[in-house]
Protein backbone atom coordinates (compact mmCIF):
# COMPACT_ATOMS: atom_id res chain seq x y z
CA MET A 1 92.66 116.23 280.69
CA THR A 2 96.31 117.18 280.20
CA THR A 3 97.21 119.56 282.79
CA PRO A 4 100.17 122.02 281.79
CA PHE A 5 102.80 120.15 283.54
CA SER A 6 102.18 116.75 282.23
CA ASN A 7 104.90 115.07 279.94
CA THR A 8 103.66 115.79 277.06
CA PRO A 9 105.69 115.92 273.58
CA ARG A 10 106.97 119.33 272.32
CA THR A 11 104.61 120.36 269.62
CA ASP A 12 105.87 121.90 266.52
CA THR A 13 106.89 125.42 267.14
CA ALA A 14 108.81 126.05 264.32
CA GLY A 15 109.96 129.62 263.78
CA VAL A 16 108.70 130.64 267.44
CA LYS A 17 111.57 132.15 269.13
CA GLN A 18 109.53 132.24 272.93
CA VAL A 19 106.52 131.16 274.60
CA SER A 20 105.93 133.16 277.82
CA LEU A 21 102.76 132.93 280.02
CA ALA A 22 101.38 135.85 282.41
CA ALA A 23 99.34 134.31 285.58
CA GLU A 24 98.54 137.04 287.48
CA THR A 25 96.76 135.81 290.53
CA SER A 26 97.48 138.78 293.38
CA GLY A 27 94.14 139.72 293.20
CA ARG A 28 90.33 139.05 293.44
CA LEU A 29 89.94 137.99 290.25
CA GLY A 30 93.01 136.13 288.45
CA SER A 31 93.76 136.09 284.58
CA VAL A 32 96.30 134.84 282.17
CA ALA A 33 98.14 136.10 279.08
CA LEU A 34 100.21 134.32 276.42
CA GLY A 35 102.61 135.46 274.12
CA ILE A 36 104.67 134.44 271.53
CA GLY A 37 107.53 136.58 270.31
CA ASP A 38 106.60 139.83 271.57
CA SER A 39 102.75 139.76 271.29
CA ILE A 40 99.82 138.75 273.21
CA VAL A 41 98.07 136.00 271.39
CA ALA A 42 95.21 134.57 274.03
CA LYS A 43 94.24 135.90 277.39
CA ALA A 44 91.46 134.42 279.57
CA ASP A 45 89.63 135.51 283.03
CA LEU A 46 89.26 132.91 285.76
CA SER A 47 85.21 132.37 286.16
CA GLY A 48 84.80 133.81 289.49
CA PHE A 49 86.17 135.16 292.57
CA ARG A 50 89.53 133.78 294.08
CA ARG A 51 89.53 131.10 291.56
CA HIS A 52 93.01 130.78 290.90
CA SER A 53 93.67 127.18 292.97
CA SER A 54 90.85 125.40 291.46
CA GLU A 55 90.91 126.83 287.79
CA LEU A 56 94.37 128.25 287.03
CA LEU A 57 96.05 124.90 285.51
CA GLY A 58 93.01 124.02 283.84
CA VAL A 59 93.32 127.56 281.85
CA ILE A 60 96.64 127.56 281.35
CA ASP A 61 96.01 124.27 279.93
CA ASN A 62 93.51 125.17 277.17
CA LEU A 63 95.10 128.35 276.23
CA LEU A 64 97.87 126.25 274.96
CA LYS A 65 95.85 123.41 273.36
CA ARG A 66 94.28 126.69 271.39
CA HIS A 67 97.57 127.25 269.73
CA ARG A 68 98.92 124.01 269.20
CA LEU A 69 101.26 124.31 272.22
CA GLY A 70 102.23 121.83 275.10
CA PRO A 71 103.56 122.63 278.65
CA ARG A 72 107.43 122.11 277.44
CA ASP A 73 107.32 125.06 275.03
CA ILE A 74 106.90 127.52 277.61
CA ASN A 75 109.80 129.49 277.62
CA ARG A 76 109.20 132.21 280.04
CA ILE A 77 106.97 132.47 283.65
CA TYR A 78 105.59 136.19 284.54
CA ILE A 79 103.90 135.78 287.62
CA PRO A 80 103.12 138.41 290.37
CA LYS A 81 105.55 138.04 293.79
CA GLY A 82 103.14 140.53 296.14
CA PRO A 83 102.26 142.47 297.82
CA GLY A 84 98.57 141.25 297.38
CA SER A 85 96.55 137.72 298.30
CA PHE A 86 98.46 135.91 300.32
CA THR A 87 96.95 132.39 299.34
CA GLY A 88 97.27 134.28 295.49
CA ILE A 89 100.81 135.14 295.97
CA ARG A 90 101.71 131.43 297.18
CA ILE A 91 99.40 129.95 294.10
CA ALA A 92 101.88 132.32 292.14
CA VAL A 93 105.20 131.03 293.21
CA THR A 94 104.44 128.12 293.86
CA PHE A 95 103.27 128.09 290.25
CA ALA A 96 106.51 129.76 288.76
CA LYS A 97 108.72 126.82 290.60
CA MET A 98 107.33 124.19 288.90
CA ALA A 99 107.58 125.59 285.84
CA ALA A 100 111.08 126.22 286.22
CA PHE A 101 112.25 122.41 287.74
CA ALA A 102 109.95 120.74 285.31
CA LEU A 103 110.41 122.64 282.24
CA ASN A 104 113.22 124.59 282.52
CA ALA A 105 111.38 127.99 281.95
CA LYS A 106 112.62 131.53 283.51
CA ILE A 107 110.83 133.26 285.92
CA ALA A 108 110.58 137.15 285.97
CA ALA A 109 108.26 137.82 289.34
CA ILE A 110 106.77 141.72 289.27
CA ASP A 111 105.57 143.76 291.79
CA THR A 112 101.95 143.77 292.02
CA LEU A 113 101.77 147.67 292.65
CA ASP A 114 104.20 147.75 289.30
CA THR A 115 101.59 145.86 287.47
CA ILE A 116 98.35 147.89 288.59
CA ALA A 117 100.22 151.01 287.55
CA GLU A 118 101.04 149.74 284.31
CA ASN A 119 97.20 149.14 283.42
CA SER A 120 97.20 152.99 283.25
CA THR A 121 99.70 153.42 280.74
CA GLN A 122 97.67 152.71 277.75
CA PHE A 123 94.96 154.49 278.85
CA ILE A 124 96.48 157.24 279.31
CA GLN A 125 97.69 157.41 275.82
CA ASN A 126 94.89 156.53 274.22
CA ASN A 127 92.66 158.98 276.17
CA SER A 128 95.52 161.83 276.15
CA LEU A 129 95.56 162.40 280.09
CA PRO A 130 98.07 164.51 281.35
CA ILE A 131 98.97 162.34 284.35
CA GLN A 132 102.23 163.31 286.21
CA ARG A 133 101.52 161.12 289.00
CA LEU A 134 100.20 158.26 290.15
CA ALA A 135 99.62 156.18 292.86
CA ALA A 136 98.35 152.26 293.15
CA ILE A 137 96.63 151.20 296.15
CA LEU A 138 95.49 147.70 297.89
CA ASP A 139 94.03 146.64 301.01
CA ALA A 140 96.35 145.54 303.50
CA LYS A 141 93.28 145.17 306.28
CA ARG A 142 93.01 146.92 309.50
CA GLY A 143 93.36 150.42 308.16
CA LEU A 144 96.78 149.88 306.49
CA PHE A 145 97.12 149.74 303.00
CA TYR A 146 100.37 148.89 300.44
CA ILE A 147 100.94 151.93 298.39
CA ALA A 148 103.27 153.04 295.72
CA VAL A 149 103.55 156.37 294.46
CA PHE A 150 104.61 156.83 290.37
CA GLU A 151 105.94 159.68 288.30
CA TRP A 152 105.55 160.10 284.69
CA GLN A 153 108.85 160.38 282.96
CA GLU A 154 110.29 160.03 279.31
CA ASN A 155 107.29 158.03 278.16
CA ASP A 156 106.16 155.75 281.26
CA PHE A 157 105.87 155.85 285.11
CA ARG A 158 108.51 155.46 287.43
CA ARG A 159 108.12 154.73 291.04
CA ILE A 160 109.33 157.42 293.25
CA THR A 161 108.60 155.26 296.33
CA GLU A 162 108.90 151.86 297.33
CA ASP A 163 106.15 150.07 298.51
CA LEU A 164 104.64 151.51 301.32
CA LEU A 165 102.44 149.95 304.56
CA ILE A 166 100.23 153.41 305.33
CA THR A 167 96.95 154.71 306.40
CA PRO A 168 95.05 156.65 304.01
CA THR A 169 95.53 159.80 306.44
CA ASP A 170 99.60 159.60 306.06
CA PHE A 171 99.07 159.29 302.31
CA LEU A 172 97.03 162.25 301.32
CA ARG A 173 99.07 164.64 304.45
CA ARG A 174 102.30 163.05 302.71
CA PHE A 175 101.78 163.04 298.73
CA CYS A 176 99.34 165.56 298.73
CA SER A 177 100.51 168.60 299.66
CA LYS A 178 101.85 169.60 295.79
CA ASN A 179 99.72 171.94 293.67
CA ALA A 180 99.89 168.73 290.87
CA PRO A 181 96.33 166.04 291.43
CA ILE A 182 97.88 162.54 291.90
CA HIS A 183 95.43 160.07 290.41
CA LEU A 184 94.36 157.04 291.91
CA LEU A 185 93.97 153.23 291.13
CA GLY A 186 93.63 149.48 292.76
CA GLU A 187 91.48 147.13 294.55
CA GLY A 188 92.24 149.13 297.68
CA LEU A 189 89.68 151.37 296.48
CA LEU A 190 86.58 149.24 296.07
CA PHE A 191 85.59 149.85 300.05
CA TYR A 192 88.01 152.55 301.08
CA GLN A 193 87.64 155.51 298.07
CA LYS A 194 85.90 157.90 300.36
CA GLN A 195 89.19 157.26 302.70
CA PHE A 196 91.19 158.56 299.85
CA GLU A 197 89.04 161.29 298.67
CA HIS A 198 91.00 165.05 298.72
CA PRO A 199 90.74 167.70 296.51
CA GLN A 200 94.07 166.90 294.96
CA THR A 201 93.42 163.50 294.73
CA VAL A 202 91.97 161.95 290.90
CA ILE A 203 90.12 158.31 291.05
CA LEU A 204 90.81 156.48 287.82
CA ASP A 205 88.47 154.10 286.12
CA LYS A 206 87.10 151.17 287.91
CA ALA A 207 88.29 149.06 284.80
CA LEU A 208 91.85 150.01 286.05
CA TRP A 209 91.96 148.45 289.29
CA PRO A 210 92.56 145.41 288.94
CA ALA A 211 96.17 143.81 288.46
CA ARG A 212 95.51 142.43 285.08
CA ALA A 213 97.64 139.50 283.52
CA GLU A 214 98.09 141.88 280.01
CA SER A 215 99.88 144.23 282.22
CA LEU A 216 101.95 141.64 284.07
CA TRP A 217 103.00 140.31 280.61
CA LYS A 218 104.27 143.76 279.26
CA LEU A 219 106.29 144.20 282.56
CA GLY A 220 107.48 140.79 282.12
CA GLN A 221 108.61 141.25 278.91
CA LYS A 222 110.66 144.15 279.70
CA ARG A 223 112.88 141.93 282.33
CA ALA A 224 112.69 139.46 279.90
CA HIS A 225 114.77 141.65 277.21
CA ASN A 226 116.99 142.63 279.98
CA GLU A 227 117.64 139.05 281.05
CA ASN A 228 116.54 140.02 284.41
CA TRP A 229 115.42 136.39 286.06
CA ASN A 230 114.61 135.58 289.03
CA ASP A 231 116.60 132.42 291.02
CA PRO A 232 113.79 129.55 291.52
CA ASP A 233 115.74 128.78 294.20
CA THR A 234 115.32 131.89 296.27
CA LEU A 235 112.18 133.35 295.37
CA VAL A 236 109.63 133.87 297.71
CA PRO A 237 106.24 135.96 297.97
CA LEU A 238 106.48 139.83 298.80
CA TYR A 239 104.30 139.59 301.63
CA ILE A 240 105.35 143.04 303.58
CA ARG A 241 103.35 142.34 306.61
CA ARG A 242 102.68 138.87 307.95
CA PRO A 243 99.26 137.29 307.34
CA GLU A 244 96.55 138.13 309.46
CA ALA A 245 96.16 134.48 311.01
CA GLU A 246 99.54 134.61 311.87
CA GLU A 247 99.56 137.78 313.85
CA LEU A 248 96.10 136.80 315.68
CA TRP A 249 98.04 133.77 316.43
CA GLU A 250 100.84 135.81 317.82
CA LYS A 251 98.58 137.54 319.94
CA LYS A 252 96.92 134.58 321.72
CA ARG A 253 100.26 132.87 322.61
CA PRO A 254 100.73 134.46 325.91
CA SER A 255 97.38 133.23 326.93
CA ILE A 256 97.42 129.78 325.41
CA LEU A 257 101.24 129.48 327.65
């Protein structure tokens, strides 16, 4: 099977200005979105839990073929830069670097918490929900969570925090002191929802929790319109904290030495 980075000739795409690909690999389930111009023309989910490394390139290849495109037609790559799964983020960054060096594609690396927040934008508009504050939550392990807080401003969510590494108790103390409720979403709630329950928190529908390629694509397009690209030479994952294996190794080193 031809892989997305094989040296196939460019398919005739007369009239097509841009071909963009969003590969979301930061969470438990991966997904891909293919865009032509300013529209998503195809989407696909990976088949199961953490199938990023085994299925990503094949899914991309199938999407391209369905639209009579070849790898060299890809102009733009949108990926998660983190936080999220250490393995998934590494796969995304490696994939983007390959595309940049082999295909001369431009890269937009998007914060995963921004992508999760973007999941809710269309939902809010479709349901006319008066949401003013939103928090995107991911599990950082060992009782800590990656959280970013957003406010609805000018028909969009705007960040009011950087990515935080914080406990549920500290989060509730800092952000549930106002009268306005704060809406929550993200895969960090999957096993820990009860720790975030509070009279001023509202848990959004579970369908909005995972980072999705469609939302990643929308944010990538905004970056593309501003010509705000990542340099493939300096692009690195945003881990915030080191992988658990490295932390355990550091703790064991004194006893080994």
